[in-house]
Amino acid sequence: MKRFVVAGVQMAVKPNDVNYNVEKSIKWLERAVSECHPDLVVFPETITTGFATGLSPEELYDLVDTVPGRLTERICEAAKKFRVYVVFTTYERGNTRGEVYNSAALIDYNGEIVGVYRKTHPYSLENVNRGGWVTPGMDTPVFDTQLGKIGIIICYDGDFPELSRALAVKGAEIIVRPSALLRSYEIWSLTNRARAYDNHVYVVGVNAVGPDAAGNYYMGNSMIVTPIAQCIAQGRGAEEVIYAELDPDPLRYITYGSKSPQVFDHLEDRNLNVYVDAMKPAKSAFEPSKRVPFLKKINI
């Protein structure tokens, strides 16, 4: 990977007003470019509508579009104008009415869509197989770009170490995590830092602020974390841009503020023989307050 600047745009949406939110995203993209001259700009989760829309899968399908499509067209033009990579998020139409994905598109300097990641671990209430509105994605791409190798996870995905590990094994150097996270700051910080340290990757966690259509309010606190778990940029609970320069040689020292050399590699040091049981279906030994039942099981 090269040395480059990444920015997170921590902005609020007008719930379910897709045209307004696209236009606002373009203005914030321009602001990010003006403030910190980034090479990559990342938006929070589901920026075209907000996370909880109050709509049925069919109604949400009608509101949004395919990718590429009308909701990404203007952002692609802006990415080309400002010569910047963009991770832009939206609910995305699938092949049939009611099939909706929670997606993040990676757009390059030329305004071309490099690829799309579709959230593989929808939150329990979000998952269409449990009565929600999002169809789980099944692919875990890593995009080889001029900046470096970029993987994408979305919000609840970050709770699953196996997913980030799969991206790291595929060569990801940076994992971006657009989010609309409603849990505690401690969980947000812990999972971002752990996924970065587990896999020796940069994690760029960009969290929403403001309300959605269901009246949820998001806490922001976007952060950029190094492969040795150092937070090098930290947002507040307000609309703003955070940014940091990413060092292409981040494992020289075992911790920040120290010259003690780093002598281990979590990926290389794995004992693959002991992980067989990790891939079996399971439930926690402790019972949650309420389990949201599967209406349809996902085939494994």
C-alpha atoms as a PDB file:
ATOM      1  CA  MET A   1       0.000   0.000   0.000  1.00  0.00           C
ATOM      2  CA  LYS A   2       1.053   3.623  -0.489  1.00  0.00           C
ATOM      3  CA  ARG A   3       1.078   6.398   2.091  1.00  0.00           C
ATOM      4  CA  PHE A   4      -2.275   8.177   1.821  1.00  0.00           C
ATOM      5  CA  VAL A   5      -4.889  10.217   3.689  1.00  0.00           C
ATOM      6  CA  VAL A   6      -8.262   8.703   4.553  1.00  0.00           C
ATOM      7  CA  ALA A   7     -11.238  10.752   5.757  1.00  0.00           C
ATOM      8  CA  GLY A   8     -14.496   9.780   7.415  1.00  0.00           C
ATOM      9  CA  VAL A   9     -17.557  11.958   6.811  1.00  0.00           C
ATOM     10  CA  GLN A  10     -19.665  11.795   9.965  1.00  0.00           C
ATOM     11  CA  MET A  11     -22.970  13.300   8.795  1.00  0.00           C
ATOM     12  CA  ALA A  12     -26.668  13.078   9.626  1.00  0.00           C
ATOM     13  CA  VAL A  13     -29.367  12.298   7.079  1.00  0.00           C
ATOM     14  CA  LYS A  14     -32.917  13.453   6.444  1.00  0.00           C
ATOM     15  CA  PRO A  15     -34.736  10.136   6.980  1.00  0.00           C
ATOM     16  CA  ASN A  16     -35.855   8.473   3.729  1.00  0.00           C
ATOM     17  CA  ASP A  17     -35.202  11.568   1.579  1.00  0.00           C
ATOM     18  CA  VAL A  18     -32.786   9.974  -0.858  1.00  0.00           C
ATOM     19  CA  ASN A  19     -32.339  12.955  -3.190  1.00  0.00           C
ATOM     20  CA  TYR A  20     -31.630  15.346  -0.324  1.00  0.00           C
ATOM     21  CA  ASN A  21     -29.157  12.913   1.235  1.00  0.00           C
ATOM     22  CA  VAL A  22     -27.256  12.376  -2.011  1.00  0.00           C
ATOM     23  CA  GLU A  23     -26.924  16.135  -2.489  1.00  0.00           C
ATOM     24  CA  LYS A  24     -25.820  16.581   1.122  1.00  0.00           C
ATOM     25  CA  SER A  25     -23.268  13.789   0.704  1.00  0.00           C
ATOM     26  CA  ILE A  26     -21.761  15.597  -2.279  1.00  0.00           C
ATOM     27  CA  LYS A  27     -21.456  18.805  -0.240  1.00  0.00           C
ATOM     28  CA  TRP A  28     -19.754  16.929   2.589  1.00  0.00           C
ATOM     29  CA  LEU A  29     -17.460  15.194   0.137  1.00  0.00           C
ATOM     30  CA  GLU A  30     -16.422  18.619  -1.148  1.00  0.00           C
ATOM     31  CA  ARG A  31     -15.917  19.784   2.434  1.00  0.00           C
ATOM     32  CA  ALA A  32     -13.716  16.768   3.220  1.00  0.00           C
ATOM     33  CA  VAL A  33     -11.617  17.428   0.123  1.00  0.00           C
ATOM     34  CA  SER A  34     -11.215  21.074   1.142  1.00  0.00           C
ATOM     35  CA  GLU A  35     -10.358  20.350   4.774  1.00  0.00           C
ATOM     36  CA  CYS A  36      -7.864  17.497   4.511  1.00  0.00           C
ATOM     37  CA  HIS A  37      -7.145  16.650   0.850  1.00  0.00           C
ATOM     38  CA  PRO A  38      -7.929  12.936   1.269  1.00  0.00           C
ATOM     39  CA  ASP A  39      -7.283  10.112  -1.165  1.00  0.00           C
ATOM     40  CA  LEU A  40     -10.186   8.048   0.245  1.00  0.00           C
ATOM     41  CA  VAL A  41     -13.449   9.278   1.792  1.00  0.00           C
ATOM     42  CA  VAL A  42     -15.767   6.951   3.719  1.00  0.00           C
ATOM     43  CA  PHE A  43     -19.434   7.635   4.572  1.00  0.00           C
ATOM     44  CA  PRO A  44     -21.536   6.050   7.362  1.00  0.00           C
ATOM     45  CA  GLU A  45     -23.923   3.148   6.774  1.00  0.00           C
ATOM     46  CA  THR A  46     -27.089   3.578   4.638  1.00  0.00           C
ATOM     47  CA  ILE A  47     -26.428   7.257   4.020  1.00  0.00           C
ATOM     48  CA  THR A  48     -29.185   7.657   1.403  1.00  0.00           C
ATOM     49  CA  THR A  49     -32.040   6.841   3.830  1.00  0.00           C
ATOM     50  CA  GLY A  50     -30.805   6.262   7.361  1.00  0.00           C
ATOM     51  CA  PHE A  51     -30.673   2.786   8.897  1.00  0.00           C
ATOM     52  CA  ALA A  52     -34.212   2.091  10.166  1.00  0.00           C
ATOM     53  CA  THR A  53     -36.614   3.330   7.483  1.00  0.00           C
ATOM     54  CA  GLY A  54     -39.961   2.063   8.816  1.00  0.00           C
ATOM     55  CA  LEU A  55     -40.644   0.655   5.350  1.00  0.00           C
ATOM     56  CA  SER A  56     -41.388  -2.855   4.168  1.00  0.00           C
ATOM     57  CA  PRO A  57     -38.768  -4.529   1.957  1.00  0.00           C
ATOM     58  CA  GLU A  58     -41.017  -3.834  -1.040  1.00  0.00           C
ATOM     59  CA  GLU A  59     -41.435  -0.140  -0.160  1.00  0.00           C
ATOM     60  CA  LEU A  60     -37.713   0.243   0.472  1.00  0.00           C
ATOM     61  CA  TYR A  61     -36.938  -1.497  -2.837  1.00  0.00           C
ATOM     62  CA  ASP A  62     -39.106   1.077  -4.627  1.00  0.00           C
ATOM     63  CA  LEU A  63     -37.385   3.984  -2.845  1.00  0.00           C
ATOM     64  CA  VAL A  64     -33.780   3.040  -3.641  1.00  0.00           C
ATOM     65  CA  ASP A  65     -32.052   1.773  -6.796  1.00  0.00           C
ATOM     66  CA  THR A  66     -29.499  -0.627  -8.185  1.00  0.00           C
ATOM     67  CA  VAL A  67     -25.750  -0.008  -7.961  1.00  0.00           C
ATOM     68  CA  PRO A  68     -24.737   1.516 -10.329  1.00  0.00           C
ATOM     69  CA  GLY A  69     -27.901   3.599 -10.541  1.00  0.00           C
ATOM     70  CA  ARG A  70     -29.413   6.996  -9.909  1.00  0.00           C
ATOM     71  CA  LEU A  71     -28.267   7.132  -6.255  1.00  0.00           C
ATOM     72  CA  THR A  72     -24.611   6.549  -7.091  1.00  0.00           C
ATOM     73  CA  GLU A  73     -24.425   8.485 -10.359  1.00  0.00           C
ATOM     74  CA  ARG A  74     -23.899  11.923  -8.811  1.00  0.00           C
ATOM     75  CA  ILE A  75     -21.389  10.607  -6.261  1.00  0.00           C
ATOM     76  CA  CYS A  76     -19.410   8.974  -9.058  1.00  0.00           C
ATOM     77  CA  GLU A  77     -19.311  12.320 -10.875  1.00  0.00           C
ATOM     78  CA  ALA A  78     -18.099  14.051  -7.699  1.00  0.00           C
ATOM     79  CA  ALA A  79     -15.418  11.402  -7.087  1.00  0.00           C
ATOM     80  CA  LYS A  80     -14.121  12.008 -10.599  1.00  0.00           C
ATOM     81  CA  LYS A  81     -14.273  15.787 -10.177  1.00  0.00           C
ATOM     82  CA  PHE A  82     -12.306  15.717  -6.906  1.00  0.00           C
ATOM     83  CA  ARG A  83     -10.042  12.815  -7.921  1.00  0.00           C
ATOM     84  CA  VAL A  84     -10.776  10.819  -4.780  1.00  0.00           C
ATOM     85  CA  TYR A  85     -11.794   7.280  -3.884  1.00  0.00           C
ATOM     86  CA  VAL A  86     -15.171   7.098  -2.111  1.00  0.00           C
ATOM     87  CA  VAL A  87     -16.937   4.409  -0.093  1.00  0.00           C
ATOM     88  CA  PHE A  88     -20.604   5.311  -0.541  1.00  0.00           C
ATOM     89  CA  THR A  89     -23.397   3.453   1.215  1.00  0.00           C
ATOM     90  CA  THR A  90     -27.029   2.798   0.368  1.00  0.00           C
ATOM     91  CA  TYR A  91     -29.732   0.205   0.475  1.00  0.00           C
ATOM     92  CA  GLU A  92     -29.559  -1.469  -2.917  1.00  0.00           C
ATOM     93  CA  ARG A  93     -32.175  -3.125  -5.099  1.00  0.00           C
ATOM     94  CA  GLY A  94     -31.662  -6.816  -5.782  1.00  0.00           C
ATOM     95  CA  ASN A  95     -33.073  -8.845  -8.648  1.00  0.00           C
ATOM     96  CA  THR A  96     -36.704  -8.967  -7.509  1.00  0.00           C
ATOM     97  CA  ARG A  97     -38.996  -6.494  -5.717  1.00  0.00           C
ATOM     98  CA  GLY A  98     -38.438  -6.800  -1.964  1.00  0.00           C
ATOM     99  CA  GLU A  99     -34.856  -8.056  -2.312  1.00  0.00           C
ATOM    100  CA  VAL A 100     -32.810  -5.309  -0.667  1.00  0.00           C
ATOM    101  CA  TYR A 101     -29.132  -5.305   0.275  1.00  0.00           C
ATOM    102  CA  ASN A 102     -27.304  -3.084   2.752  1.00  0.00           C
ATOM    103  CA  SER A 103     -24.442  -2.097   0.467  1.00  0.00           C
ATOM    104  CA  ALA A 104     -21.242  -0.098   0.205  1.00  0.00           C
ATOM    105  CA  ALA A 105     -19.852   0.831  -3.207  1.00  0.00           C
ATOM    106  CA  LEU A 106     -16.171   1.573  -3.719  1.00  0.00           C
ATOM    107  CA  ILE A 107     -15.736   4.315  -6.315  1.00  0.00           C
ATOM    108  CA  ASP A 108     -12.345   5.201  -7.800  1.00  0.00           C
ATOM    109  CA  TYR A 109     -10.597   8.423  -8.911  1.00  0.00           C
ATOM    110  CA  ASN A 110     -12.227   8.171 -12.327  1.00  0.00           C
ATOM    111  CA  GLY A 111     -15.752   7.931 -10.976  1.00  0.00           C
ATOM    112  CA  GLU A 112     -15.972   4.234 -11.796  1.00  0.00           C
ATOM    113  CA  ILE A 113     -17.465   1.712  -9.363  1.00  0.00           C
ATOM    114  CA  VAL A 114     -14.666  -0.702  -8.507  1.00  0.00           C
ATOM    115  CA  GLY A 115     -17.070  -3.055  -6.741  1.00  0.00           C
ATOM    116  CA  VAL A 116     -19.822  -3.425  -4.161  1.00  0.00           C
ATOM    117  CA  TYR A 117     -19.845  -5.110  -0.760  1.00  0.00           C
ATOM    118  CA  ARG A 118     -23.229  -6.288   0.546  1.00  0.00           C
ATOM    119  CA  LYS A 119     -23.524  -6.677   4.331  1.00  0.00           C
ATOM    120  CA  THR A 120     -23.070 -10.346   5.166  1.00  0.00           C
ATOM    121  CA  HIS A 121     -24.197 -10.166   8.813  1.00  0.00           C
ATOM    122  CA  PRO A 122     -27.377  -8.058   8.990  1.00  0.00           C
ATOM    123  CA  TYR A 123     -28.367  -7.182  12.547  1.00  0.00           C
ATOM    124  CA  SER A 124     -31.042  -9.539  13.916  1.00  0.00           C
ATOM    125  CA  LEU A 125     -33.956  -7.107  13.453  1.00  0.00           C
ATOM    126  CA  GLU A 126     -32.623  -6.058  10.024  1.00  0.00           C
ATOM    127  CA  ASN A 127     -32.248  -9.560   8.574  1.00  0.00           C
ATOM    128  CA  VAL A 128     -35.039 -10.494   6.129  1.00  0.00           C
ATOM    129  CA  ASN A 129     -34.698 -14.115   7.258  1.00  0.00           C
ATOM    130  CA  ARG A 130     -35.760 -12.977  10.747  1.00  0.00           C
ATOM    131  CA  GLY A 131     -38.595 -10.666   9.675  1.00  0.00           C
ATOM    132  CA  GLY A 132     -36.494  -7.625   8.718  1.00  0.00           C
ATOM    133  CA  TRP A 133     -35.739  -5.983   5.402  1.00  0.00           C
ATOM    134  CA  VAL A 134     -32.144  -6.823   4.369  1.00  0.00           C
ATOM    135  CA  THR A 135     -31.082  -9.860   2.345  1.00  0.00           C
ATOM    136  CA  PRO A 136     -27.628 -11.020   3.511  1.00  0.00           C
ATOM    137  CA  GLY A 137     -24.761 -10.751   1.041  1.00  0.00           C
ATOM    138  CA  MET A 138     -22.566 -13.773   0.435  1.00  0.00           C
ATOM    139  CA  ASP A 139     -19.319 -12.347  -0.960  1.00  0.00           C
ATOM    140  CA  THR A 140     -16.253 -10.937   0.841  1.00  0.00           C
ATOM    141  CA  PRO A 141     -14.294  -9.039  -1.805  1.00  0.00           C
ATOM    142  CA  VAL A 142     -10.963  -7.336  -1.296  1.00  0.00           C
ATOM    143  CA  PHE A 143     -10.372  -4.544  -3.805  1.00  0.00           C
ATOM    144  CA  ASP A 144      -6.866  -3.997  -5.166  1.00  0.00           C
ATOM    145  CA  THR A 145      -6.642  -0.225  -5.681  1.00  0.00           C
ATOM    146  CA  GLN A 146      -3.980   2.391  -6.349  1.00  0.00           C
ATOM    147  CA  LEU A 147      -4.027   3.146  -2.612  1.00  0.00           C
ATOM    148  CA  GLY A 148      -3.784  -0.398  -1.333  1.00  0.00           C
ATOM    149  CA  LYS A 149      -5.925  -3.478  -0.781  1.00  0.00           C
ATOM    150  CA  ILE A 150      -9.275  -2.450   0.703  1.00  0.00           C
ATOM    151  CA  GLY A 151     -11.872  -4.654   2.375  1.00  0.00           C
ATOM    152  CA  ILE A 152     -15.287  -3.481   3.540  1.00  0.00           C
ATOM    153  CA  ILE A 153     -17.464  -4.546   6.465  1.00  0.00           C
ATOM    154  CA  ILE A 154     -20.648  -2.813   7.598  1.00  0.00           C
ATOM    155  CA  CYS A 155     -21.523  -2.099  11.258  1.00  0.00           C
ATOM    156  CA  TYR A 156     -22.661  -5.410  12.876  1.00  0.00           C
ATOM    157  CA  ASP A 157     -20.217  -7.246  10.594  1.00  0.00           C
ATOM    158  CA  GLY A 158     -17.477  -5.888  12.846  1.00  0.00           C
ATOM    159  CA  ASP A 159     -18.690  -8.081  15.726  1.00  0.00           C
ATOM    160  CA  PHE A 160     -17.594 -11.199  13.831  1.00  0.00           C
ATOM    161  CA  PRO A 161     -13.815 -11.765  13.959  1.00  0.00           C
ATOM    162  CA  GLU A 162     -14.018 -14.436  11.252  1.00  0.00           C
ATOM    163  CA  LEU A 163     -15.178 -11.932   8.623  1.00  0.00           C
ATOM    164  CA  SER A 164     -12.336  -9.454   9.107  1.00  0.00           C
ATOM    165  CA  ARG A 165      -9.911 -12.374   9.323  1.00  0.00           C
ATOM    166  CA  ALA A 166     -11.156 -13.646   5.957  1.00  0.00           C
ATOM    167  CA  LEU A 167     -10.471 -10.221   4.430  1.00  0.00           C
ATOM    168  CA  ALA A 168      -7.007 -10.089   5.980  1.00  0.00           C
ATOM    169  CA  VAL A 169      -6.175 -13.576   4.695  1.00  0.00           C
ATOM    170  CA  LYS A 170      -7.193 -12.330   1.235  1.00  0.00           C
ATOM    171  CA  GLY A 171      -4.631  -9.549   1.611  1.00  0.00           C
ATOM    172  CA  ALA A 172      -6.623  -6.577   2.919  1.00  0.00           C
ATOM    173  CA  GLU A 173      -4.449  -3.792   4.318  1.00  0.00           C
ATOM    174  CA  ILE A 174      -7.322  -1.438   5.146  1.00  0.00           C
ATOM    175  CA  ILE A 175     -10.785  -2.465   6.336  1.00  0.00           C
ATOM    176  CA  VAL A 176     -13.426   0.257   6.236  1.00  0.00           C
ATOM    177  CA  ARG A 177     -16.478  -0.082   8.475  1.00  0.00           C
ATOM    178  CA  PRO A 178     -19.401   2.220   7.587  1.00  0.00           C
ATOM    179  CA  SER A 179     -21.816   2.009  10.524  1.00  0.00           C
ATOM    180  CA  ALA A 180     -25.016   3.140  12.159  1.00  0.00           C
ATOM    181  CA  LEU A 181     -24.141   1.688  15.541  1.00  0.00           C
ATOM    182  CA  LEU A 182     -26.456   2.196  18.514  1.00  0.00           C
ATOM    183  CA  ARG A 183     -24.605   0.241  21.157  1.00  0.00           C
ATOM    184  CA  SER A 184     -22.083   1.627  23.626  1.00  0.00           C
ATOM    185  CA  TYR A 185     -18.929   3.534  22.781  1.00  0.00           C
ATOM    186  CA  GLU A 186     -16.959   0.822  24.574  1.00  0.00           C
ATOM    187  CA  ILE A 187     -18.254  -1.869  22.197  1.00  0.00           C
ATOM    188  CA  TRP A 188     -17.640   0.369  19.170  1.00  0.00           C
ATOM    189  CA  SER A 189     -14.073   1.154  20.235  1.00  0.00           C
ATOM    190  CA  LEU A 190     -13.330  -2.409  21.342  1.00  0.00           C
ATOM    191  CA  THR A 191     -14.450  -4.061  18.109  1.00  0.00           C
ATOM    192  CA  ASN A 192     -12.661  -1.534  15.885  1.00  0.00           C
ATOM    193  CA  ARG A 193      -9.421  -1.869  17.820  1.00  0.00           C
ATOM    194  CA  ALA A 194      -9.672  -5.649  18.097  1.00  0.00           C
ATOM    195  CA  ARG A 195     -10.312  -6.170  14.381  1.00  0.00           C
ATOM    196  CA  ALA A 196      -7.358  -3.903  13.567  1.00  0.00           C
ATOM    197  CA  TYR A 197      -5.010  -5.626  16.024  1.00  0.00           C
ATOM    198  CA  ASP A 198      -6.237  -9.181  15.362  1.00  0.00           C
ATOM    199  CA  ASN A 199      -5.389  -8.859  11.695  1.00  0.00           C
ATOM    200  CA  HIS A 200      -2.692  -6.149  11.581  1.00  0.00           C
ATOM    201  CA  VAL A 201      -4.854  -3.954   9.326  1.00  0.00           C
ATOM    202  CA  TYR A 202      -6.032  -0.360   9.433  1.00  0.00           C
ATOM    203  CA  VAL A 203      -9.703  -0.048  10.430  1.00  0.00           C
ATOM    204  CA  VAL A 204     -11.641   3.047   9.391  1.00  0.00           C
ATOM    205  CA  GLY A 205     -14.888   3.043  11.379  1.00  0.00           C
ATOM    206  CA  VAL A 206     -17.297   5.786  10.300  1.00  0.00           C
ATOM    207  CA  ASN A 207     -20.460   5.958  12.402  1.00  0.00           C
ATOM    208  CA  ALA A 208     -23.687   7.884  11.781  1.00  0.00           C
ATOM    209  CA  VAL A 209     -24.951  10.824  13.811  1.00  0.00           C
ATOM    210  CA  GLY A 210     -28.473  12.174  14.140  1.00  0.00           C
ATOM    211  CA  PRO A 211     -31.857  10.426  13.786  1.00  0.00           C
ATOM    212  CA  ASP A 212     -33.423   7.931  11.430  1.00  0.00           C
ATOM    213  CA  ALA A 213     -37.085   7.342  10.586  1.00  0.00           C
ATOM    214  CA  ALA A 214     -37.570   5.132  13.652  1.00  0.00           C
ATOM    215  CA  GLY A 215     -36.341   7.863  16.014  1.00  0.00           C
ATOM    216  CA  ASN A 216     -32.995   6.203  16.716  1.00  0.00           C
ATOM    217  CA  TYR A 217     -30.170   8.670  17.431  1.00  0.00           C
ATOM    218  CA  TYR A 218     -26.629   7.733  16.484  1.00  0.00           C
ATOM    219  CA  MET A 219     -23.560   8.633  18.520  1.00  0.00           C
ATOM    220  CA  GLY A 220     -20.857   9.244  15.910  1.00  0.00           C
ATOM    221  CA  ASN A 221     -17.414   8.773  17.501  1.00  0.00           C
ATOM    222  CA  SER A 222     -15.931   7.692  14.177  1.00  0.00           C
ATOM    223  CA  MET A 223     -12.346   6.491  14.462  1.00  0.00           C
ATOM    224  CA  ILE A 224      -9.295   5.431  12.494  1.00  0.00           C
ATOM    225  CA  VAL A 225      -7.228   2.662  14.100  1.00  0.00           C
ATOM    226  CA  THR A 226      -3.750   1.405  13.171  1.00  0.00           C
ATOM    227  CA  PRO A 227      -2.599  -2.242  12.928  1.00  0.00           C
ATOM    228  CA  ILE A 228      -1.161  -1.932  16.452  1.00  0.00           C
ATOM    229  CA  ALA A 229      -4.536  -0.726  17.823  1.00  0.00           C
ATOM    230  CA  GLN A 230      -3.674   2.969  18.098  1.00  0.00           C
ATOM    231  CA  CYS A 231      -6.591   5.336  17.490  1.00  0.00           C
ATOM    232  CA  ILE A 232      -5.125   8.103  15.311  1.00  0.00           C
ATOM    233  CA  ALA A 233      -8.366   9.994  14.612  1.00  0.00           C
ATOM    234  CA  GLN A 234     -11.441  10.296  16.820  1.00  0.00           C
ATOM    235  CA  GLY A 235     -14.794  11.929  16.068  1.00  0.00           C
ATOM    236  CA  ARG A 236     -17.249  13.519  18.454  1.00  0.00           C
ATOM    237  CA  GLY A 237     -21.060  13.166  18.540  1.00  0.00           C
ATOM    238  CA  ALA A 238     -21.596  15.822  15.865  1.00  0.00           C
ATOM    239  CA  GLU A 239     -21.364  16.266  12.117  1.00  0.00           C
ATOM    240  CA  GLU A 240     -17.715  16.598  11.121  1.00  0.00           C
ATOM    241  CA  VAL A 241     -14.858  15.172   9.079  1.00  0.00           C
ATOM    242  CA  ILE A 242     -12.101  13.106  10.685  1.00  0.00           C
ATOM    243  CA  TYR A 243      -8.931  12.121   8.874  1.00  0.00           C
ATOM    244  CA  ALA A 244      -5.476  10.594   9.229  1.00  0.00           C
ATOM    245  CA  GLU A 245      -2.457   9.721   7.113  1.00  0.00           C
ATOM    246  CA  LEU A 246      -1.859   5.976   6.884  1.00  0.00           C
ATOM    247  CA  ASP A 247       1.743   4.780   7.133  1.00  0.00           C
ATOM    248  CA  PRO A 248       2.578   1.941   4.704  1.00  0.00           C
ATOM    249  CA  ASP A 249       4.999   0.424   7.250  1.00  0.00           C
ATOM    250  CA  PRO A 250       2.934   0.267  10.469  1.00  0.00           C
ATOM    251  CA  LEU A 251       4.408  -2.814  12.182  1.00  0.00           C
ATOM    252  CA  ARG A 252       7.931  -1.591  12.867  1.00  0.00           C
ATOM    253  CA  TYR A 253       7.315  -1.182  16.597  1.00  0.00           C
ATOM    254  CA  ILE A 254       5.284  -3.211  19.050  1.00  0.00           C
ATOM    255  CA  THR A 255       3.407  -0.182  20.357  1.00  0.00           C
ATOM    256  CA  TYR A 256       3.182   3.531  19.707  1.00  0.00           C
ATOM    257  CA  GLY A 257       5.632   5.769  21.529  1.00  0.00           C
ATOM    258  CA  SER A 258       8.163   2.944  21.681  1.00  0.00           C
ATOM    259  CA  LYS A 259      11.180   1.736  19.708  1.00  0.00           C
ATOM    260  CA  SER A 260      10.690  -1.896  20.808  1.00  0.00           C
ATOM    261  CA  PRO A 261      10.577  -3.909  17.577  1.00  0.00           C
ATOM    262  CA  GLN A 262       7.515  -5.838  16.448  1.00  0.00           C
ATOM    263  CA  VAL A 263       8.565  -9.496  16.058  1.00  0.00           C
ATOM    264  CA  PHE A 264       5.265 -11.365  15.510  1.00  0.00           C
ATOM    265  CA  ASP A 265       2.560 -11.639  12.861  1.00  0.00           C
ATOM    266  CA  HIS A 266      -0.935 -12.729  13.939  1.00  0.00           C
ATOM    267  CA  LEU A 267      -1.756 -14.181  10.526  1.00  0.00           C
ATOM    268  CA  GLU A 268       1.446 -16.155  10.144  1.00  0.00           C
ATOM    269  CA  ASP A 269       1.339 -17.366  13.754  1.00  0.00           C
ATOM    270  CA  ARG A 270      -2.122 -18.983  13.534  1.00  0.00           C
ATOM    271  CA  ASN A 271      -2.358 -22.676  14.441  1.00  0.00           C
ATOM    272  CA  LEU A 272      -4.853 -23.670  11.745  1.00  0.00           C
ATOM    273  CA  ASN A 273      -5.275 -27.171  13.151  1.00  0.00           C
ATOM    274  CA  VAL A 274      -7.256 -25.946  16.154  1.00  0.00           C
ATOM    275  CA  TYR A 275      -9.924 -23.914  14.348  1.00  0.00           C
ATOM    276  CA  VAL A 276     -12.144 -26.716  12.986  1.00  0.00           C
ATOM    277  CA  ASP A 277     -14.838 -26.277  15.646  1.00  0.00           C
ATOM    278  CA  ALA A 278     -15.043 -22.536  15.052  1.00  0.00           C
ATOM    279  CA  MET A 279     -16.945 -23.146  11.797  1.00  0.00           C
ATOM    280  CA  LYS A 280     -19.759 -25.208  13.349  1.00  0.00           C
ATOM    281  CA  PRO A 281     -23.226 -23.749  14.093  1.00  0.00           C
ATOM    282  CA  ALA A 282     -23.540 -22.695  17.735  1.00  0.00           C
ATOM    283  CA  LYS A 283     -25.380 -20.547  20.272  1.00  0.00           C
ATOM    284  CA  SER A 284     -24.067 -18.616  23.244  1.00  0.00           C
ATOM    285  CA  ALA A 285     -23.930 -20.487  26.523  1.00  0.00           C
ATOM    286  CA  PHE A 286     -25.840 -17.513  27.952  1.00  0.00           C
ATOM    287  CA  GLU A 287     -29.400 -16.736  26.921  1.00  0.00           C
ATOM    288  CA  PRO A 288     -30.192 -13.269  25.531  1.00  0.00           C
ATOM    289  CA  SER A 289     -33.242 -11.422  26.793  1.00  0.00           C
ATOM    290  CA  LYS A 290     -35.022 -12.345  23.568  1.00  0.00           C
ATOM    291  CA  ARG A 291     -34.008 -14.343  20.522  1.00  0.00           C
ATOM    292  CA  VAL A 292     -35.319 -13.171  17.177  1.00  0.00           C
ATOM    293  CA  PRO A 293     -36.258 -16.452  15.470  1.00  0.00           C
ATOM    294  CA  PHE A 294     -35.186 -17.317  11.951  1.00  0.00           C
ATOM    295  CA  LEU A 295     -38.145 -17.490   9.585  1.00  0.00           C
ATOM    296  CA  LYS A 296     -35.824 -18.993   6.989  1.00  0.00           C
ATOM    297  CA  LYS A 297     -32.502 -20.666   7.636  1.00  0.00           C
ATOM    298  CA  ILE A 298     -29.507 -19.721   5.522  1.00  0.00           C
ATOM    299  CA  ASN A 299     -27.960 -22.721   3.802  1.00  0.00           C
ATOM    300  CA  ILE A 300     -24.347 -23.337   4.791  1.00  0.00           C
END
